[in-house]
Amino acid sequence: MAHLQGQCCCNSLSSRHSLAGTPLTALRQFRLTAPRQPLMVEARVHIRFQRRGRKRIPSFRLVAMNSRDRRDGRPLEELGWYNPLSKETNLNAPAIKKWLQQGAQPSQTVGDLLRKAMILGEADFKRAGKQNKLKPVSERDSS
């Protein structure tokens, strides 16, 4: 390999000069000089819990995060906290409303907590769970 040092074994420099007028070279130059558009990936923001505390002593932070980030990753903003053992909560209602107006989606558990705190109404958040598939009594008798 020492004898090839400083030399180009594939003669790429001479091949570039010989292709200077071809359409392929013009396309390569355009790709290098054309302004690139930023890659648009829709990143949704979720309002969810971030676990804190110790083993068997949980506490949670209420955070606004990118939906693709891991659970305990860096949040966009901390919105409050919740202690499930003592049932204490501390919520920053104006910040939560701001994120909801911007299109952030609360998780199911956070949505339940926000409805209990009256930050969300029933019409604002519908829990996507199992639907009651039982028919009313009047429909069962007629079938």
C-alpha atoms as a PDB file:
ATOM      1  CA  MET A   1       0.000   0.000   0.000  1.00  0.00           C
ATOM      2  CA  ALA A   2       2.942   2.301   0.541  1.00  0.00           C
ATOM      3  CA  HIS A   3       3.687   2.464  -3.170  1.00  0.00           C
ATOM      4  CA  LEU A   4       0.106   3.719  -3.881  1.00  0.00           C
ATOM      5  CA  GLN A   5       0.253   6.523  -1.375  1.00  0.00           C
ATOM      6  CA  GLY A   6      -0.345   9.869  -3.027  1.00  0.00           C
ATOM      7  CA  GLN A   7      -1.670   8.292  -6.216  1.00  0.00           C
ATOM      8  CA  CYS A   8      -5.217   7.616  -7.241  1.00  0.00           C
ATOM      9  CA  CYS A   9      -5.455   4.023  -8.407  1.00  0.00           C
ATOM     10  CA  CYS A  10      -8.819   4.459 -10.158  1.00  0.00           C
ATOM     11  CA  ASN A  11      -7.872   7.581 -12.128  1.00  0.00           C
ATOM     12  CA  SER A  12     -11.002   9.369 -10.908  1.00  0.00           C
ATOM     13  CA  LEU A  13      -9.451  12.785 -11.481  1.00  0.00           C
ATOM     14  CA  SER A  14      -8.847  12.139 -15.150  1.00  0.00           C
ATOM     15  CA  SER A  15     -12.318  10.604 -15.567  1.00  0.00           C
ATOM     16  CA  ARG A  16     -13.912  13.722 -14.068  1.00  0.00           C
ATOM     17  CA  HIS A  17     -12.156  15.934 -16.545  1.00  0.00           C
ATOM     18  CA  SER A  18     -13.161  13.755 -19.463  1.00  0.00           C
ATOM     19  CA  LEU A  19     -16.874  13.857 -18.429  1.00  0.00           C
ATOM     20  CA  ALA A  20     -16.978  17.615 -17.949  1.00  0.00           C
ATOM     21  CA  GLY A  21     -19.534  18.255 -20.684  1.00  0.00           C
ATOM     22  CA  THR A  22     -21.900  15.325 -20.111  1.00  0.00           C
ATOM     23  CA  PRO A  23     -25.425  15.733 -18.724  1.00  0.00           C
ATOM     24  CA  LEU A  24     -24.580  13.410 -15.831  1.00  0.00           C
ATOM     25  CA  THR A  25     -21.906  15.794 -14.591  1.00  0.00           C
ATOM     26  CA  ALA A  26     -24.271  18.740 -14.888  1.00  0.00           C
ATOM     27  CA  LEU A  27     -26.810  16.858 -12.777  1.00  0.00           C
ATOM     28  CA  ARG A  28     -24.188  16.122 -10.120  1.00  0.00           C
ATOM     29  CA  GLN A  29     -23.147  19.772 -10.013  1.00  0.00           C
ATOM     30  CA  PHE A  30     -26.786  20.837  -9.685  1.00  0.00           C
ATOM     31  CA  ARG A  31     -27.288  18.456  -6.762  1.00  0.00           C
ATOM     32  CA  LEU A  32     -24.260  19.895  -5.016  1.00  0.00           C
ATOM     33  CA  THR A  33     -25.175  23.548  -5.551  1.00  0.00           C
ATOM     34  CA  ALA A  34     -28.994  23.460  -5.325  1.00  0.00           C
ATOM     35  CA  PRO A  35     -30.422  24.605  -1.995  1.00  0.00           C
ATOM     36  CA  ARG A  36     -31.753  21.640  -0.062  1.00  0.00           C
ATOM     37  CA  GLN A  37     -35.231  21.669   1.365  1.00  0.00           C
ATOM     38  CA  PRO A  38     -35.404  20.621   5.001  1.00  0.00           C
ATOM     39  CA  LEU A  39     -36.791  17.153   5.474  1.00  0.00           C
ATOM     40  CA  MET A  40     -40.313  17.614   6.798  1.00  0.00           C
ATOM     41  CA  VAL A  41     -41.227  14.981   9.352  1.00  0.00           C
ATOM     42  CA  GLU A  42     -44.379  15.550  11.328  1.00  0.00           C
ATOM     43  CA  ALA A  43     -43.409  15.329  14.969  1.00  0.00           C
ATOM     44  CA  ARG A  44     -46.438  15.293  17.194  1.00  0.00           C
ATOM     45  CA  VAL A  45     -46.259  16.618  20.712  1.00  0.00           C
ATOM     46  CA  HIS A  46     -47.767  14.517  23.476  1.00  0.00           C
ATOM     47  CA  ILE A  47     -48.513  15.491  27.042  1.00  0.00           C
ATOM     48  CA  ARG A  48     -47.583  12.498  29.152  1.00  0.00           C
ATOM     49  CA  PHE A  49     -46.077  11.324  32.412  1.00  0.00           C
ATOM     50  CA  GLN A  50     -42.366  11.025  33.013  1.00  0.00           C
ATOM     51  CA  ARG A  51     -41.544   8.654  35.856  1.00  0.00           C
ATOM     52  CA  ARG A  52     -39.472   9.960  38.731  1.00  0.00           C
ATOM     53  CA  GLY A  53     -38.922   8.730  42.265  1.00  0.00           C
ATOM     54  CA  ARG A  54     -37.403   5.530  43.552  1.00  0.00           C
ATOM     55  CA  LYS A  55     -38.187   1.860  43.366  1.00  0.00           C
ATOM     56  CA  ARG A  56     -41.738   1.259  44.645  1.00  0.00           C
ATOM     57  CA  ILE A  57     -42.096   4.976  45.472  1.00  0.00           C
ATOM     58  CA  PRO A  58     -43.271   6.442  42.168  1.00  0.00           C
ATOM     59  CA  SER A  59     -43.831  10.068  41.349  1.00  0.00           C
ATOM     60  CA  PHE A  60     -44.467  11.508  37.929  1.00  0.00           C
ATOM     61  CA  ARG A  61     -43.743  14.740  36.092  1.00  0.00           C
ATOM     62  CA  LEU A  62     -46.319  15.960  33.608  1.00  0.00           C
ATOM     63  CA  VAL A  63     -44.354  16.947  30.497  1.00  0.00           C
ATOM     64  CA  ALA A  64     -44.827  17.994  26.882  1.00  0.00           C
ATOM     65  CA  MET A  65     -42.614  15.803  24.695  1.00  0.00           C
ATOM     66  CA  ASN A  66     -42.091  14.809  21.100  1.00  0.00           C
ATOM     67  CA  SER A  67     -44.060  11.611  20.527  1.00  0.00           C
ATOM     68  CA  ARG A  68     -40.984   9.782  19.234  1.00  0.00           C
ATOM     69  CA  ASP A  69     -38.811  10.518  22.262  1.00  0.00           C
ATOM     70  CA  ARG A  70     -38.291   7.938  24.964  1.00  0.00           C
ATOM     71  CA  ARG A  71     -40.343   8.145  28.153  1.00  0.00           C
ATOM     72  CA  ASP A  72     -37.629   9.620  30.351  1.00  0.00           C
ATOM     73  CA  GLY A  73     -36.002  11.758  27.656  1.00  0.00           C
ATOM     74  CA  ARG A  74     -35.648  15.523  27.678  1.00  0.00           C
ATOM     75  CA  PRO A  75     -39.058  17.248  27.659  1.00  0.00           C
ATOM     76  CA  LEU A  76     -39.992  20.344  25.714  1.00  0.00           C
ATOM     77  CA  GLU A  77     -41.571  21.758  28.873  1.00  0.00           C
ATOM     78  CA  GLU A  78     -42.447  20.518  32.355  1.00  0.00           C
ATOM     79  CA  LEU A  79     -46.108  21.160  33.099  1.00  0.00           C
ATOM     80  CA  GLY A  80     -46.521  19.870  36.641  1.00  0.00           C
ATOM     81  CA  TRP A  81     -46.218  16.786  38.815  1.00  0.00           C
ATOM     82  CA  TYR A  82     -48.363  13.977  40.231  1.00  0.00           C
ATOM     83  CA  ASN A  83     -47.774  11.781  43.275  1.00  0.00           C
ATOM     84  CA  PRO A  84     -49.966   8.653  43.039  1.00  0.00           C
ATOM     85  CA  LEU A  85     -49.301   7.548  46.629  1.00  0.00           C
ATOM     86  CA  SER A  86     -50.594  10.719  48.268  1.00  0.00           C
ATOM     87  CA  LYS A  87     -52.843  11.676  45.289  1.00  0.00           C
ATOM     88  CA  GLU A  88     -51.288  15.152  45.176  1.00  0.00           C
ATOM     89  CA  THR A  89     -51.060  17.106  41.930  1.00  0.00           C
ATOM     90  CA  ASN A  90     -49.567  20.400  40.911  1.00  0.00           C
ATOM     91  CA  LEU A  91     -50.502  21.495  37.388  1.00  0.00           C
ATOM     92  CA  ASN A  92     -49.518  24.561  35.389  1.00  0.00           C
ATOM     93  CA  ALA A  93     -52.949  25.113  33.785  1.00  0.00           C
ATOM     94  CA  PRO A  94     -52.034  28.035  31.447  1.00  0.00           C
ATOM     95  CA  ALA A  95     -49.083  26.119  29.994  1.00  0.00           C
ATOM     96  CA  ILE A  96     -51.174  22.951  29.557  1.00  0.00           C
ATOM     97  CA  LYS A  97     -53.908  24.909  27.765  1.00  0.00           C
ATOM     98  CA  LYS A  98     -51.285  26.537  25.532  1.00  0.00           C
ATOM     99  CA  TRP A  99     -49.941  23.128  24.452  1.00  0.00           C
ATOM    100  CA  LEU A 100     -53.449  21.753  23.905  1.00  0.00           C
ATOM    101  CA  GLN A 101     -54.337  24.740  21.700  1.00  0.00           C
ATOM    102  CA  GLN A 102     -51.198  24.089  19.656  1.00  0.00           C
ATOM    103  CA  GLY A 103     -52.359  20.528  18.999  1.00  0.00           C
ATOM    104  CA  ALA A 104     -50.633  18.465  21.683  1.00  0.00           C
ATOM    105  CA  GLN A 105     -52.344  15.149  22.426  1.00  0.00           C
ATOM    106  CA  PRO A 106     -52.644  14.041  26.063  1.00  0.00           C
ATOM    107  CA  SER A 107     -52.148  10.387  26.909  1.00  0.00           C
ATOM    108  CA  GLN A 108     -55.161   8.524  28.290  1.00  0.00           C
ATOM    109  CA  THR A 109     -54.010   8.728  31.905  1.00  0.00           C
ATOM    110  CA  VAL A 110     -53.082  12.393  31.600  1.00  0.00           C
ATOM    111  CA  GLY A 111     -56.436  13.090  29.930  1.00  0.00           C
ATOM    112  CA  ASP A 112     -58.245  11.501  32.873  1.00  0.00           C
ATOM    113  CA  LEU A 113     -56.200  13.611  35.293  1.00  0.00           C
ATOM    114  CA  LEU A 114     -56.888  16.812  33.320  1.00  0.00           C
ATOM    115  CA  ARG A 115     -60.627  16.084  33.310  1.00  0.00           C
ATOM    116  CA  LYS A 116     -60.579  15.585  37.089  1.00  0.00           C
ATOM    117  CA  ALA A 117     -58.727  18.898  37.434  1.00  0.00           C
ATOM    118  CA  MET A 118     -61.334  20.467  35.079  1.00  0.00           C
ATOM    119  CA  ILE A 119     -58.706  21.661  32.623  1.00  0.00           C
ATOM    120  CA  LEU A 120     -60.273  19.488  29.917  1.00  0.00           C
ATOM    121  CA  GLY A 121     -63.972  19.008  29.363  1.00  0.00           C
ATOM    122  CA  GLU A 122     -65.651  15.797  28.233  1.00  0.00           C
ATOM    123  CA  ALA A 123     -65.995  17.133  24.680  1.00  0.00           C
ATOM    124  CA  ASP A 124     -62.295  18.045  24.473  1.00  0.00           C
ATOM    125  CA  PHE A 125     -60.952  14.570  25.113  1.00  0.00           C
ATOM    126  CA  LYS A 126     -62.629  11.269  24.337  1.00  0.00           C
ATOM    127  CA  ARG A 127     -60.935   8.236  25.770  1.00  0.00           C
ATOM    128  CA  ALA A 128     -60.203   5.732  23.028  1.00  0.00           C
ATOM    129  CA  GLY A 129     -61.069   2.573  24.901  1.00  0.00           C
ATOM    130  CA  LYS A 130     -63.392  -0.346  24.333  1.00  0.00           C
ATOM    131  CA  GLN A 131     -66.891   0.615  23.329  1.00  0.00           C
ATOM    132  CA  ASN A 132     -69.839  -0.901  25.132  1.00  0.00           C
ATOM    133  CA  LYS A 133     -71.070  -3.435  22.604  1.00  0.00           C
ATOM    134  CA  LEU A 134     -74.115  -4.517  24.604  1.00  0.00           C
ATOM    135  CA  LYS A 135     -77.404  -3.605  23.006  1.00  0.00           C
ATOM    136  CA  PRO A 136     -80.092  -1.856  25.025  1.00  0.00           C
ATOM    137  CA  VAL A 137     -82.838  -4.124  26.389  1.00  0.00           C
ATOM    138  CA  SER A 138     -85.436  -2.884  23.892  1.00  0.00           C
ATOM    139  CA  GLU A 139     -83.212  -3.821  20.928  1.00  0.00           C
ATOM    140  CA  ARG A 140     -82.460  -7.294  22.349  1.00  0.00           C
ATOM    141  CA  ASP A 141     -86.146  -8.175  22.671  1.00  0.00           C
ATOM    142  CA  SER A 142     -87.014  -7.139  19.118  1.00  0.00           C
ATOM    143  CA  SER A 143     -84.144  -9.117  17.525  1.00  0.00           C
END
